[in-house]
Amino acid sequence: MINEKPEFVDFAVTARKYKTLLTKKYLNRKVWVDPNPYEIQSFIPGTVLKISVKEGDVVEEGAPLLILEAMKMQNRIEMPFTARIKKINVEVGNRIPKETLMIELEPVNEVI
């Protein structure tokens, strides 16, 4: 660490270029990942009270998927778009942390 040479990174602001050092906090941050629309994750930690769907069901947009209780509030998790339930990764009574993959979805192949 004593003889480490700092690594400068280029960035531009209104057509001017600058050099800066990246902080350890920035380098150790949790990197943002584009969310997968076919994965329903918990947005808060809580307890699964009720699951309203089964694997293999085709669920319409807006239909209830499950009830997640957090801080004495019951949060209704709804289907974001019409799709088939591929896998349910939680059970009633499970205490889950934030960003837990609860339900996996797959597209519905409609035959016309």
PDB file of N, CA and C in Angstrom:
ATOM      1  N   MET A   1       0.825  -1.190   0.000  1.00  0.00           N
ATOM      2  CA  MET A   1       0.000   0.000   0.000  1.00  0.00           C
ATOM      3  C   MET A   1       0.867   1.251   0.000  1.00  0.00           C
ATOM      4  N   ILE A   2       2.077   1.153   0.511  1.00  0.00           N
ATOM      5  CA  ILE A   2       2.947   2.328   0.604  1.00  0.00           C
ATOM      6  C   ILE A   2       3.388   2.785  -0.774  1.00  0.00           C
ATOM      7  N   ASN A   3       3.738   1.826  -1.643  1.00  0.00           N
ATOM      8  CA  ASN A   3       4.263   2.188  -2.960  1.00  0.00           C
ATOM      9  C   ASN A   3       3.227   2.085  -4.070  1.00  0.00           C
ATOM     10  N   GLU A   4       1.959   1.979  -3.706  1.00  0.00           N
ATOM     11  CA  GLU A   4       0.926   1.898  -4.736  1.00  0.00           C
ATOM     12  C   GLU A   4       0.813   3.229  -5.460  1.00  0.00           C
ATOM     13  N   LYS A   5       0.737   3.145  -6.781  1.00  0.00           N
ATOM     14  CA  LYS A   5       0.584   4.340  -7.602  1.00  0.00           C
ATOM     15  C   LYS A   5      -0.904   4.599  -7.810  1.00  0.00           C
ATOM     16  N   PRO A   6      -1.389   5.804  -7.543  1.00  0.00           N
ATOM     17  CA  PRO A   6      -2.823   6.070  -7.718  1.00  0.00           C
ATOM     18  C   PRO A   6      -3.227   5.941  -9.184  1.00  0.00           C
ATOM     19  N   GLU A   7      -4.418   5.408  -9.394  1.00  0.00           N
ATOM     20  CA  GLU A   7      -4.934   5.247 -10.749  1.00  0.00           C
ATOM     21  C   GLU A   7      -5.973   6.324 -11.017  1.00  0.00           C
ATOM     22  N   PHE A   8      -5.675   7.220 -11.946  1.00  0.00           N
ATOM     23  CA  PHE A   8      -6.598   8.282 -12.302  1.00  0.00           C
ATOM     24  C   PHE A   8      -7.542   7.804 -13.394  1.00  0.00           C
ATOM     25  N   VAL A   9      -8.790   8.262 -13.320  1.00  0.00           N
ATOM     26  CA  VAL A   9      -9.824   7.879 -14.271  1.00  0.00           C
ATOM     27  C   VAL A   9     -10.320   9.146 -14.951  1.00  0.00           C
ATOM     28  N   ASP A  10     -10.534   9.062 -16.274  1.00  0.00           N
ATOM     29  CA  ASP A  10     -11.040  10.209 -17.038  1.00  0.00           C
ATOM     30  C   ASP A  10     -12.554  10.305 -16.905  1.00  0.00           C
ATOM     31  N   PHE A  11     -13.044  11.533 -16.819  1.00  0.00           N
ATOM     32  CA  PHE A  11     -14.483  11.765 -16.938  1.00  0.00           C
ATOM     33  C   PHE A  11     -14.674  13.132 -17.566  1.00  0.00           C
ATOM     34  N   ALA A  12     -15.820  13.336 -18.205  1.00  0.00           N
ATOM     35  CA  ALA A  12     -16.079  14.576 -18.936  1.00  0.00           C
ATOM     36  C   ALA A  12     -17.297  15.272 -18.360  1.00  0.00           C
ATOM     37  N   VAL A  13     -17.191  16.605 -18.250  1.00  0.00           N
ATOM     38  CA  VAL A  13     -18.298  17.440 -17.807  1.00  0.00           C
ATOM     39  C   VAL A  13     -18.365  18.619 -18.764  1.00  0.00           C
ATOM     40  N   THR A  14     -19.503  18.754 -19.430  1.00  0.00           N
ATOM     41  CA  THR A  14     -19.739  19.826 -20.412  1.00  0.00           C
ATOM     42  C   THR A  14     -18.525  20.026 -21.326  1.00  0.00           C
ATOM     43  N   ALA A  15     -18.146  18.961 -21.999  1.00  0.00           N
ATOM     44  CA  ALA A  15     -17.098  18.946 -23.016  1.00  0.00           C
ATOM     45  C   ALA A  15     -15.698  19.221 -22.472  1.00  0.00           C
ATOM     46  N   ARG A  16     -15.497  19.226 -21.164  1.00  0.00           N
ATOM     47  CA  ARG A  16     -14.156  19.352 -20.586  1.00  0.00           C
ATOM     48  C   ARG A  16     -13.789  18.030 -19.941  1.00  0.00           C
ATOM     49  N   LYS A  17     -12.533  17.632 -20.083  1.00  0.00           N
ATOM     50  CA  LYS A  17     -12.065  16.381 -19.504  1.00  0.00           C
ATOM     51  C   LYS A  17     -11.306  16.641 -18.228  1.00  0.00           C
ATOM     52  N   TYR A  18     -11.560  15.797 -17.224  1.00  0.00           N
ATOM     53  CA  TYR A  18     -10.895  15.890 -15.932  1.00  0.00           C
ATOM     54  C   TYR A  18     -10.354  14.518 -15.560  1.00  0.00           C
ATOM     55  N   LYS A  19      -9.435  14.487 -14.628  1.00  0.00           N
ATOM     56  CA  LYS A  19      -8.935  13.245 -14.067  1.00  0.00           C
ATOM     57  C   LYS A  19      -9.253  13.259 -12.576  1.00  0.00           C
ATOM     58  N   THR A  20      -9.623  12.084 -12.047  1.00  0.00           N
ATOM     59  CA  THR A  20      -9.959  11.986 -10.639  1.00  0.00           C
ATOM     60  C   THR A  20      -9.529  10.625 -10.097  1.00  0.00           C
ATOM     61  N   LEU A  21      -9.434  10.542  -8.798  1.00  0.00           N
ATOM     62  CA  LEU A  21      -9.184   9.266  -8.129  1.00  0.00           C
ATOM     63  C   LEU A  21     -10.507   8.715  -7.643  1.00  0.00           C
ATOM     64  N   LEU A  22     -10.693   7.412  -7.769  1.00  0.00           N
ATOM     65  CA  LEU A  22     -11.916   6.784  -7.274  1.00  0.00           C
ATOM     66  C   LEU A  22     -11.713   6.401  -5.818  1.00  0.00           C
ATOM     67  N   THR A  23     -12.708   6.686  -4.988  1.00  0.00           N
ATOM     68  CA  THR A  23     -12.602   6.367  -3.562  1.00  0.00           C
ATOM     69  C   THR A  23     -12.803   4.875  -3.336  1.00  0.00           C
ATOM     70  N   LYS A  24     -12.340   4.387  -2.183  1.00  0.00           N
ATOM     71  CA  LYS A  24     -12.538   2.978  -1.831  1.00  0.00           C
ATOM     72  C   LYS A  24     -14.026   2.670  -1.703  1.00  0.00           C
ATOM     73  N   LYS A  25     -14.788   3.627  -1.180  1.00  0.00           N
ATOM     74  CA  LYS A  25     -16.235   3.429  -1.046  1.00  0.00           C
ATOM     75  C   LYS A  25     -16.861   3.200  -2.423  1.00  0.00           C
ATOM     76  N   TYR A  26     -16.435   3.981  -3.415  1.00  0.00           N
ATOM     77  CA  TYR A  26     -16.959   3.826  -4.770  1.00  0.00           C
ATOM     78  C   TYR A  26     -16.532   2.479  -5.358  1.00  0.00           C
ATOM     79  N   LEU A  27     -15.283   2.111  -5.176  1.00  0.00           N
ATOM     80  CA  LEU A  27     -14.783   0.857  -5.728  1.00  0.00           C
ATOM     81  C   LEU A  27     -15.438  -0.364  -5.084  1.00  0.00           C
ATOM     82  N   ASN A  28     -15.850  -0.263  -3.808  1.00  0.00           N
ATOM     83  CA  ASN A  28     -16.450  -1.376  -3.084  1.00  0.00           C
ATOM     84  C   ASN A  28     -17.974  -1.374  -3.115  1.00  0.00           C
ATOM     85  N   ARG A  29     -18.575  -0.466  -3.878  1.00  0.00           N
ATOM     86  CA  ARG A  29     -20.031  -0.345  -3.930  1.00  0.00           C
ATOM     87  C   ARG A  29     -20.660  -1.581  -4.553  1.00  0.00           C
ATOM     88  N   LYS A  30     -21.933  -1.764  -4.285  1.00  0.00           N
ATOM     89  CA  LYS A  30     -22.694  -2.824  -4.943  1.00  0.00           C
ATOM     90  C   LYS A  30     -23.019  -2.322  -6.345  1.00  0.00           C
ATOM     91  N   VAL A  31     -22.558  -3.043  -7.338  1.00  0.00           N
ATOM     92  CA  VAL A  31     -22.731  -2.615  -8.723  1.00  0.00           C
ATOM     93  C   VAL A  31     -24.179  -2.836  -9.150  1.00  0.00           C
ATOM     94  N   TRP A  32     -24.758  -1.841  -9.811  1.00  0.00           N
ATOM     95  CA  TRP A  32     -26.131  -1.923 -10.272  1.00  0.00           C
ATOM     96  C   TRP A  32     -26.225  -2.921 -11.419  1.00  0.00           C
ATOM     97  N   VAL A  33     -27.258  -3.775 -11.372  1.00  0.00           N
ATOM     98  CA  VAL A  33     -27.512  -4.753 -12.417  1.00  0.00           C
ATOM     99  C   VAL A  33     -28.915  -4.509 -12.945  1.00  0.00           C
ATOM    100  N   ASP A  34     -29.062  -4.501 -14.255  1.00  0.00           N
ATOM    101  CA  ASP A  34     -30.367  -4.311 -14.868  1.00  0.00           C
ATOM    102  C   ASP A  34     -31.294  -5.429 -14.400  1.00  0.00           C
ATOM    103  N   PRO A  35     -32.426  -5.114 -13.749  1.00  0.00           N
ATOM    104  CA  PRO A  35     -33.294  -6.163 -13.219  1.00  0.00           C
ATOM    105  C   PRO A  35     -33.921  -7.003 -14.326  1.00  0.00           C
ATOM    106  N   ASN A  36     -34.066  -8.287 -14.037  1.00  0.00           N
ATOM    107  CA  ASN A  36     -34.707  -9.211 -14.962  1.00  0.00           C
ATOM    108  C   ASN A  36     -36.221  -9.115 -14.758  1.00  0.00           C
ATOM    109  N   PRO A  37     -37.001  -8.777 -15.794  1.00  0.00           N
ATOM    110  CA  PRO A  37     -38.447  -8.641 -15.609  1.00  0.00           C
ATOM    111  C   PRO A  37     -39.133  -9.965 -15.288  1.00  0.00           C
ATOM    112  N   TYR A  38     -38.454 -11.081 -15.505  1.00  0.00           N
ATOM    113  CA  TYR A  38     -39.047 -12.391 -15.243  1.00  0.00           C
ATOM    114  C   TYR A  38     -38.687 -12.924 -13.858  1.00  0.00           C
ATOM    115  N   GLU A  39     -38.202 -12.049 -12.988  1.00  0.00           N
ATOM    116  CA  GLU A  39     -37.914 -12.419 -11.609  1.00  0.00           C
ATOM    117  C   GLU A  39     -38.629 -11.455 -10.668  1.00  0.00           C
ATOM    118  N   ILE A  40     -39.440 -11.984  -9.759  1.00  0.00           N
ATOM    119  CA  ILE A  40     -40.136 -11.174  -8.763  1.00  0.00           C
ATOM    120  C   ILE A  40     -39.317 -11.268  -7.477  1.00  0.00           C
ATOM    121  N   GLN A  41     -38.700 -10.147  -7.080  1.00  0.00           N
ATOM    122  CA  GLN A  41     -37.877 -10.115  -5.878  1.00  0.00           C
ATOM    123  C   GLN A  41     -38.551  -9.294  -4.794  1.00  0.00           C
ATOM    124  N   SER A  42     -38.208  -9.599  -3.540  1.00  0.00           N
ATOM    125  CA  SER A  42     -38.755  -8.816  -2.437  1.00  0.00           C
ATOM    126  C   SER A  42     -38.076  -7.458  -2.405  1.00  0.00           C
ATOM    127  N   PHE A  43     -38.847  -6.417  -2.222  1.00  0.00           N
ATOM    128  CA  PHE A  43     -38.305  -5.063  -2.154  1.00  0.00           C
ATOM    129  C   PHE A  43     -38.024  -4.648  -0.719  1.00  0.00           C
ATOM    130  N   ILE A  44     -38.541  -5.422   0.244  1.00  0.00           N
ATOM    131  CA  ILE A  44     -38.297  -5.197   1.661  1.00  0.00           C
ATOM    132  C   ILE A  44     -38.214  -6.560   2.345  1.00  0.00           C
ATOM    133  N   PRO A  45     -37.546  -6.645   3.502  1.00  0.00           N
ATOM    134  CA  PRO A  45     -37.562  -7.907   4.233  1.00  0.00           C
ATOM    135  C   PRO A  45     -38.939  -8.117   4.859  1.00  0.00           C
ATOM    136  N   GLY A  46     -39.358  -9.372   4.997  1.00  0.00           N
ATOM    137  CA  GLY A  46     -40.663  -9.626   5.595  1.00  0.00           C
ATOM    138  C   GLY A  46     -40.977 -11.101   5.677  1.00  0.00           C
ATOM    139  N   THR A  47     -42.226 -11.396   5.991  1.00  0.00           N
ATOM    140  CA  THR A  47     -42.711 -12.764   6.134  1.00  0.00           C
ATOM    141  C   THR A  47     -43.794 -13.030   5.089  1.00  0.00           C
ATOM    142  N   VAL A  48     -43.686 -14.156   4.401  1.00  0.00           N
ATOM    143  CA  VAL A  48     -44.688 -14.530   3.400  1.00  0.00           C
ATOM    144  C   VAL A  48     -45.927 -15.048   4.139  1.00  0.00           C
ATOM    145  N   LEU A  49     -47.062 -14.354   3.977  1.00  0.00           N
ATOM    146  CA  LEU A  49     -48.304 -14.746   4.643  1.00  0.00           C
ATOM    147  C   LEU A  49     -49.179 -15.633   3.776  1.00  0.00           C
ATOM    148  N   LYS A  50     -49.214 -15.350   2.475  1.00  0.00           N
ATOM    149  CA  LYS A  50     -50.128 -16.070   1.590  1.00  0.00           C
ATOM    150  C   LYS A  50     -49.535 -16.099   0.190  1.00  0.00           C
ATOM    151  N   ILE A  51     -49.673 -17.239  -0.478  1.00  0.00           N
ATOM    152  CA  ILE A  51     -49.278 -17.368  -1.881  1.00  0.00           C
ATOM    153  C   ILE A  51     -50.541 -17.691  -2.661  1.00  0.00           C
ATOM    154  N   SER A  52     -50.872 -16.865  -3.640  1.00  0.00           N
ATOM    155  CA  SER A  52     -52.145 -16.987  -4.362  1.00  0.00           C
ATOM    156  C   SER A  52     -52.037 -17.728  -5.685  1.00  0.00           C
ATOM    157  N   VAL A  53     -50.834 -18.181  -6.082  1.00  0.00           N
ATOM    158  CA  VAL A  53     -50.640 -18.838  -7.371  1.00  0.00           C
ATOM    159  C   VAL A  53     -49.906 -20.160  -7.181  1.00  0.00           C
ATOM    160  N   LYS A  54     -49.909 -20.976  -8.237  1.00  0.00           N
ATOM    161  CA  LYS A  54     -49.177 -22.246  -8.240  1.00  0.00           C
ATOM    162  C   LYS A  54     -48.245 -22.254  -9.453  1.00  0.00           C
ATOM    163  N   GLU A  55     -47.213 -23.081  -9.391  1.00  0.00           N
ATOM    164  CA  GLU A  55     -46.320 -23.235 -10.539  1.00  0.00           C
ATOM    165  C   GLU A  55     -47.104 -23.745 -11.729  1.00  0.00           C
ATOM    166  N   GLY A  56     -46.844 -23.163 -12.899  1.00  0.00           N
ATOM    167  CA  GLY A  56     -47.546 -23.544 -14.122  1.00  0.00           C
ATOM    168  C   GLY A  56     -48.746 -22.682 -14.443  1.00  0.00           C
ATOM    169  N   ASP A  57     -49.247 -21.910 -13.465  1.00  0.00           N
ATOM    170  CA  ASP A  57     -50.398 -21.030 -13.713  1.00  0.00           C
ATOM    171  C   ASP A  57     -50.018 -19.905 -14.678  1.00  0.00           C
ATOM    172  N   VAL A  58     -50.952 -19.557 -15.561  1.00  0.00           N
ATOM    173  CA  VAL A  58     -50.812 -18.350 -16.380  1.00  0.00           C
ATOM    174  C   VAL A  58     -51.578 -17.266 -15.638  1.00  0.00           C
ATOM    175  N   VAL A  59     -50.868 -16.201 -15.276  1.00  0.00           N
ATOM    176  CA  VAL A  59     -51.442 -15.155 -14.440  1.00  0.00           C
ATOM    177  C   VAL A  59     -51.504 -13.846 -15.226  1.00  0.00           C
ATOM    178  N   GLU A  60     -52.654 -13.192 -15.159  1.00  0.00           N
ATOM    179  CA  GLU A  60     -52.868 -11.926 -15.861  1.00  0.00           C
ATOM    180  C   GLU A  60     -52.214 -10.762 -15.107  1.00  0.00           C
ATOM    181  N   GLU A  61     -51.901  -9.725 -15.831  1.00  0.00           N
ATOM    182  CA  GLU A  61     -51.321  -8.513 -15.241  1.00  0.00           C
ATOM    183  C   GLU A  61     -52.240  -7.957 -14.154  1.00  0.00           C
ATOM    184  N   GLY A  62     -51.664  -7.607 -13.001  1.00  0.00           N
ATOM    185  CA  GLY A  62     -52.418  -7.016 -11.902  1.00  0.00           C
ATOM    186  C   GLY A  62     -52.992  -8.015 -10.914  1.00  0.00           C
ATOM    187  N   ALA A  63     -52.957  -9.304 -11.236  1.00  0.00           N
ATOM    188  CA  ALA A  63     -53.481 -10.328 -10.323  1.00  0.00           C
ATOM    189  C   ALA A  63     -52.543 -10.477  -9.119  1.00  0.00           C
ATOM    190  N   PRO A  64     -53.091 -10.790  -7.943  1.00  0.00           N
ATOM    191  CA  PRO A  64     -52.233 -10.937  -6.758  1.00  0.00           C
ATOM    192  C   PRO A  64     -51.380 -12.203  -6.842  1.00  0.00           C
ATOM    193  N   LEU A  65     -50.105 -12.079  -6.461  1.00  0.00           N
ATOM    194  CA  LEU A  65     -49.198 -13.225  -6.422  1.00  0.00           C
ATOM    195  C   LEU A  65     -49.047 -13.739  -5.001  1.00  0.00           C
ATOM    196  N   LEU A  66     -48.746 -12.806  -4.079  1.00  0.00           N
ATOM    197  CA  LEU A  66     -48.570 -13.194  -2.689  1.00  0.00           C
ATOM    198  C   LEU A  66     -48.701 -11.986  -1.785  1.00  0.00           C
ATOM    199  N   ILE A  67     -48.802 -12.262  -0.490  1.00  0.00           N
ATOM    200  CA  ILE A  67     -48.862 -11.218   0.534  1.00  0.00           C
ATOM    201  C   ILE A  67     -47.568 -11.309   1.341  1.00  0.00           C
ATOM    202  N   LEU A  68     -46.849 -10.194   1.428  1.00  0.00           N
ATOM    203  CA  LEU A  68     -45.597 -10.113   2.184  1.00  0.00           C
ATOM    204  C   LEU A  68     -45.805  -9.143   3.331  1.00  0.00           C
ATOM    205  N   GLU A  69     -45.705  -9.637   4.565  1.00  0.00           N
ATOM    206  CA  GLU A  69     -45.895  -8.787   5.739  1.00  0.00           C
ATOM    207  C   GLU A  69     -44.552  -8.212   6.162  1.00  0.00           C
ATOM    208  N   ALA A  70     -44.522  -6.905   6.334  1.00  0.00           N
ATOM    209  CA  ALA A  70     -43.312  -6.211   6.786  1.00  0.00           C
ATOM    210  C   ALA A  70     -43.734  -5.047   7.670  1.00  0.00           C
ATOM    211  N   MET A  71     -43.140  -4.945   8.844  1.00  0.00           N
ATOM    212  CA  MET A  71     -43.428  -3.862   9.790  1.00  0.00           C
ATOM    213  C   MET A  71     -44.929  -3.748  10.066  1.00  0.00           C
ATOM    214  N   LYS A  72     -45.584  -4.876  10.263  1.00  0.00           N
ATOM    215  CA  LYS A  72     -47.009  -4.971  10.580  1.00  0.00           C
ATOM    216  C   LYS A  72     -47.919  -4.505   9.451  1.00  0.00           C
ATOM    217  N   MET A  73     -47.366  -4.393   8.250  1.00  0.00           N
ATOM    218  CA  MET A  73     -48.170  -4.019   7.086  1.00  0.00           C
ATOM    219  C   MET A  73     -48.179  -5.194   6.110  1.00  0.00           C
ATOM    220  N   GLN A  74     -49.322  -5.440   5.511  1.00  0.00           N
ATOM    221  CA  GLN A  74     -49.421  -6.502   4.524  1.00  0.00           C
ATOM    222  C   GLN A  74     -49.292  -5.897   3.133  1.00  0.00           C
ATOM    223  N   ASN A  75     -48.209  -6.272   2.439  1.00  0.00           N
ATOM    224  CA  ASN A  75     -47.917  -5.753   1.102  1.00  0.00           C
ATOM    225  C   ASN A  75     -48.357  -6.773   0.064  1.00  0.00           C
ATOM    226  N   ARG A  76     -49.262  -6.356  -0.805  1.00  0.00           N
ATOM    227  CA  ARG A  76     -49.778  -7.229  -1.852  1.00  0.00           C
ATOM    228  C   ARG A  76     -48.847  -7.130  -3.057  1.00  0.00           C
ATOM    229  N   ILE A  77     -48.217  -8.233  -3.413  1.00  0.00           N
ATOM    230  CA  ILE A  77     -47.327  -8.282  -4.571  1.00  0.00           C
ATOM    231  C   ILE A  77     -48.166  -8.733  -5.763  1.00  0.00           C
ATOM    232  N   GLU A  78     -48.214  -7.886  -6.803  1.00  0.00           N
ATOM    233  CA  GLU A  78     -49.055  -8.160  -7.967  1.00  0.00           C
ATOM    234  C   GLU A  78     -48.216  -8.505  -9.190  1.00  0.00           C
ATOM    235  N   MET A  79     -48.858  -9.185 -10.119  1.00  0.00           N
ATOM    236  CA  MET A  79     -48.210  -9.586 -11.365  1.00  0.00           C
ATOM    237  C   MET A  79     -47.955  -8.346 -12.222  1.00  0.00           C
ATOM    238  N   PRO A  80     -46.705  -8.127 -12.672  1.00  0.00           N
ATOM    239  CA  PRO A  80     -46.407  -6.932 -13.460  1.00  0.00           C
ATOM    240  C   PRO A  80     -46.894  -7.008 -14.901  1.00  0.00           C
ATOM    241  N   PHE A  81     -47.033  -8.213 -15.449  1.00  0.00           N
ATOM    242  CA  PHE A  81     -47.502  -8.423 -16.817  1.00  0.00           C
ATOM    243  C   PHE A  81     -47.982  -9.876 -16.916  1.00  0.00           C
ATOM    244  N   THR A  82     -48.672 -10.209 -17.990  1.00  0.00           N
ATOM    245  CA  THR A  82     -49.178 -11.570 -18.148  1.00  0.00           C
ATOM    246  C   THR A  82     -48.029 -12.523 -18.453  1.00  0.00           C
ATOM    247  N   ALA A  83     -47.922 -13.587 -17.642  1.00  0.00           N
ATOM    248  CA  ALA A  83     -46.857 -14.576 -17.819  1.00  0.00           C
ATOM    249  C   ALA A  83     -47.230 -15.855 -17.079  1.00  0.00           C
ATOM    250  N   ARG A  84     -46.405 -16.879 -17.258  1.00  0.00           N
ATOM    251  CA  ARG A  84     -46.601 -18.171 -16.584  1.00  0.00           C
ATOM    252  C   ARG A  84     -45.661 -18.241 -15.382  1.00  0.00           C
ATOM    253  N   ILE A  85     -46.148 -18.829 -14.290  1.00  0.00           N
ATOM    254  CA  ILE A  85     -45.329 -19.022 -13.093  1.00  0.00           C
ATOM    255  C   ILE A  85     -44.407 -20.211 -13.350  1.00  0.00           C
ATOM    256  N   LYS A  86     -43.121 -19.959 -13.415  1.00  0.00           N
ATOM    257  CA  LYS A  86     -42.138 -21.014 -13.674  1.00  0.00           C
ATOM    258  C   LYS A  86     -41.753 -21.726 -12.378  1.00  0.00           C
ATOM    259  N   LYS A  87     -41.455 -20.942 -11.334  1.00  0.00           N
ATOM    260  CA  LYS A  87     -41.028 -21.538 -10.074  1.00  0.00           C
ATOM    261  C   LYS A  87     -41.339 -20.590  -8.925  1.00  0.00           C
ATOM    262  N   ILE A  88     -41.799 -21.139  -7.812  1.00  0.00           N
ATOM    263  CA  ILE A  88     -42.039 -20.371  -6.592  1.00  0.00           C
ATOM    264  C   ILE A  88     -40.954 -20.774  -5.599  1.00  0.00           C
ATOM    265  N   ASN A  89     -40.147 -19.811  -5.178  1.00  0.00           N
ATOM    266  CA  ASN A  89     -38.982 -20.087  -4.337  1.00  0.00           C
ATOM    267  C   ASN A  89     -39.212 -19.835  -2.854  1.00  0.00           C
ATOM    268  N   VAL A  90     -40.434 -19.470  -2.462  1.00  0.00           N
ATOM    269  CA  VAL A  90     -40.736 -19.204  -1.050  1.00  0.00           C
ATOM    270  C   VAL A  90     -41.954 -20.028  -0.642  1.00  0.00           C
ATOM    271  N   GLU A  91     -42.143 -20.167   0.669  1.00  0.00           N
ATOM    272  CA  GLU A  91     -43.303 -20.861   1.213  1.00  0.00           C
ATOM    273  C   GLU A  91     -43.966 -19.965   2.250  1.00  0.00           C
ATOM    274  N   VAL A  92     -45.224 -20.229   2.535  1.00  0.00           N
ATOM    275  CA  VAL A  92     -45.943 -19.472   3.563  1.00  0.00           C
ATOM    276  C   VAL A  92     -45.197 -19.640   4.885  1.00  0.00           C
ATOM    277  N   GLY A  93     -44.971 -18.514   5.571  1.00  0.00           N
ATOM    278  CA  GLY A  93     -44.264 -18.527   6.851  1.00  0.00           C
ATOM    279  C   GLY A  93     -42.785 -18.218   6.737  1.00  0.00           C
ATOM    280  N   ASN A  94     -42.224 -18.236   5.512  1.00  0.00           N
ATOM    281  CA  ASN A  94     -40.805 -17.909   5.332  1.00  0.00           C
ATOM    282  C   ASN A  94     -40.533 -16.459   5.671  1.00  0.00           C
ATOM    283  N   ARG A  95     -39.480 -16.217   6.463  1.00  0.00           N
ATOM    284  CA  ARG A  95     -38.981 -14.856   6.683  1.00  0.00           C
ATOM    285  C   ARG A  95     -37.878 -14.651   5.658  1.00  0.00           C
ATOM    286  N   ILE A  96     -38.032 -13.636   4.816  1.00  0.00           N
ATOM    287  CA  ILE A  96     -37.075 -13.438   3.724  1.00  0.00           C
ATOM    288  C   ILE A  96     -36.435 -12.062   3.811  1.00  0.00           C
ATOM    289  N   PRO A  97     -35.162 -11.946   3.425  1.00  0.00           N
ATOM    290  CA  PRO A  97     -34.503 -10.650   3.390  1.00  0.00           C
ATOM    291  C   PRO A  97     -34.858  -9.879   2.114  1.00  0.00           C
ATOM    292  N   LYS A  98     -34.435  -8.635   2.076  1.00  0.00           N
ATOM    293  CA  LYS A  98     -34.625  -7.796   0.896  1.00  0.00           C
ATOM    294  C   LYS A  98     -33.910  -8.435  -0.299  1.00  0.00           C
ATOM    295  N   GLU A  99     -34.476  -8.268  -1.477  1.00  0.00           N
ATOM    296  CA  GLU A  99     -33.929  -8.746  -2.751  1.00  0.00           C
ATOM    297  C   GLU A  99     -33.868 -10.267  -2.863  1.00  0.00           C
ATOM    298  N   THR A 100     -34.764 -10.963  -2.167  1.00  0.00           N
ATOM    299  CA  THR A 100     -34.868 -12.416  -2.305  1.00  0.00           C
ATOM    300  C   THR A 100     -35.685 -12.733  -3.550  1.00  0.00           C
ATOM    301  N   LEU A 101     -35.211 -13.670  -4.347  1.00  0.00           N
ATOM    302  CA  LEU A 101     -35.963 -14.104  -5.524  1.00  0.00           C
ATOM    303  C   LEU A 101     -37.140 -14.950  -5.051  1.00  0.00           C
ATOM    304  N   MET A 102     -38.352 -14.394  -5.155  1.00  0.00           N
ATOM    305  CA  MET A 102     -39.545 -15.084  -4.657  1.00  0.00           C
ATOM    306  C   MET A 102     -40.186 -15.953  -5.733  1.00  0.00           C
ATOM    307  N   ILE A 103     -40.387 -15.380  -6.922  1.00  0.00           N
ATOM    308  CA  ILE A 103     -41.096 -16.090  -7.997  1.00  0.00           C
ATOM    309  C   ILE A 103     -40.361 -15.870  -9.310  1.00  0.00           C
ATOM    310  N   GLU A 104     -40.212 -16.944 -10.068  1.00  0.00           N
ATOM    311  CA  GLU A 104     -39.631 -16.867 -11.412  1.00  0.00           C
ATOM    312  C   GLU A 104     -40.757 -17.014 -12.419  1.00  0.00           C
ATOM    313  N   LEU A 105     -40.714 -16.204 -13.465  1.00  0.00           N
ATOM    314  CA  LEU A 105     -41.750 -16.210 -14.496  1.00  0.00           C
ATOM    315  C   LEU A 105     -41.158 -16.655 -15.829  1.00  0.00           C
ATOM    316  N   GLU A 106     -42.053 -17.028 -16.755  1.00  0.00           N
ATOM    317  CA  GLU A 106     -41.635 -17.306 -18.127  1.00  0.00           C
ATOM    318  C   GLU A 106     -42.701 -16.774 -19.064  1.00  0.00           C
ATOM    319  N   PRO A 107     -42.313 -16.435 -20.281  1.00  0.00           N
ATOM    320  CA  PRO A 107     -43.301 -15.887 -21.217  1.00  0.00           C
ATOM    321  C   PRO A 107     -44.372 -16.909 -21.573  1.00  0.00           C
ATOM    322  N   VAL A 108     -45.524 -16.402 -21.933  1.00  0.00           N
ATOM    323  CA  VAL A 108     -46.644 -17.247 -22.342  1.00  0.00           C
ATOM    324  C   VAL A 108     -46.595 -17.345 -23.866  1.00  0.00           C
ATOM    325  N   ASN A 109     -46.526 -18.565 -24.368  1.00  0.00           N
ATOM    326  CA  ASN A 109     -46.533 -18.765 -25.814  1.00  0.00           C
ATOM    327  C   ASN A 109     -47.974 -18.975 -26.253  1.00  0.00           C
ATOM    328  N   GLU A 110     -48.547 -17.928 -26.829  1.00  0.00           N
ATOM    329  CA  GLU A 110     -49.952 -18.010 -27.248  1.00  0.00           C
ATOM    330  C   GLU A 110     -50.037 -18.498 -28.685  1.00  0.00           C
ATOM    331  N   VAL A 111     -50.918 -19.424 -28.914  1.00  0.00           N
ATOM    332  CA  VAL A 111     -51.153 -19.946 -30.271  1.00  0.00           C
ATOM    333  C   VAL A 111     -52.394 -19.263 -30.817  1.00  0.00           C
ATOM    334  N   ILE A 112     -52.246 -18.668 -32.008  1.00  0.00           N
ATOM    335  CA  ILE A 112     -53.367 -17.940 -32.625  1.00  0.00           C
ATOM    336  C   ILE A 112     -54.058 -18.818 -33.640  1.00  0.00           C
TER     337      ILE A 112
END
